[in-house]
Amino acid sequence: RLSCIRNNVWLACCGVVSAGLAVLSSFGLMLFCGVPFVVTVANAPFLILGVGVDDMFIMIASWEQSLRKKEKSDVKSLLAETYTEAALSVTITTLTDVLAFFIGVWTAFPSVRSFCLYTGTAFVFCYIYTLTFFGAVIVLNYKREQGNRHWLTCMPVGVGEDQAEKSCLYNVCCIGSCSGQSSEVETKQPESEHPMSIFFKKYYGPFFTNKWIKLLVVLLYGTYLGGSIYGCTQIREGIDLRNLASDDSYVIPYYDDDDKYFSAYGPRVMVVITESVDYWNETVCLVIENCTQNLE
């Protein structure tokens, strides 16, 4: 928003910080528990940031809807209404992500197991911080707006005796209006609906509720579902061990040479005789030779 009071830059930054706290908490807990840290775990913060920012937008949108529904309610009622709208969506999203990654803990690959443990635990902490830390930040930001304070400095925004002599740029940054008029009246008005919400309500929703569009959506989804099932039948199970090592590891050229020069021979098979054998006996030697040929 262009208003120096309703601008929510710090609110967005705190949403990113909430995801960062979840990453730090999960990494600290897993390292404390002795879970190995592998290179693939370094990708986990990007996943957590995506889900954390998504939860942040859901919380903010639900808060603004609560403001429009209950203009004169207290903070507790507003926050309760926000959690009523947002908590279910955030919980379902987190639950599915956590289950998906914790199922991956059953894999036989230690590096994948560590990645799933770190990431799944980070999703749990992200959920906790979203409903506690970020919820508190939303309330503090609301109190700042009610106090008519600037979004950057949190200083009260008002009209002084010398505001008319200040430049237009100064008045826009520090008051919110080029003319020197205070933005205090603006904060007392009901929260205006966001243009994106208006778009989905007036255009996107009615468009997809048309009976022909609904039929088209069902057909497209059926095509997508059929393609997905076909893809599942064609997928090849396995993993390239080369991708689990870092780019500068000595394992990379080893697997490259092994694939280039020895891929036609398959894995090496060794036969070990665990008992004492009379190798000098010609009959025993023939038996061993026949056994080797049968194995080949």
Foldseek 3Di string as FASTA:
>chain_A
DLFQQPDCPVLLVVLQVLLVVLLVVLVVVCVVVPQDDAPVLVCLSVVSSVLSSVLSVLLVQQLLVLCQVCVPDDPVSSLVSSCVRRVVVNVVVLVVLLVVLCVQLPDPDSNSNSNSSSNSSSSVSSSVCSSPVSSVVVSVSLVLSLQCAGNPPSHHADADPCQCVDAQVCCCRRANGSNRHHCNVVSSDGRDDDPVVVCCVPPVVVVCVPPVNVVVVVVVVVVVVVVVVVVVVVDDDDDDVLVRDDPPDPVNVVVVCCCVPPVVPPDDDDDDDPDDDDCVDPVRVVVVVVVVVVVD
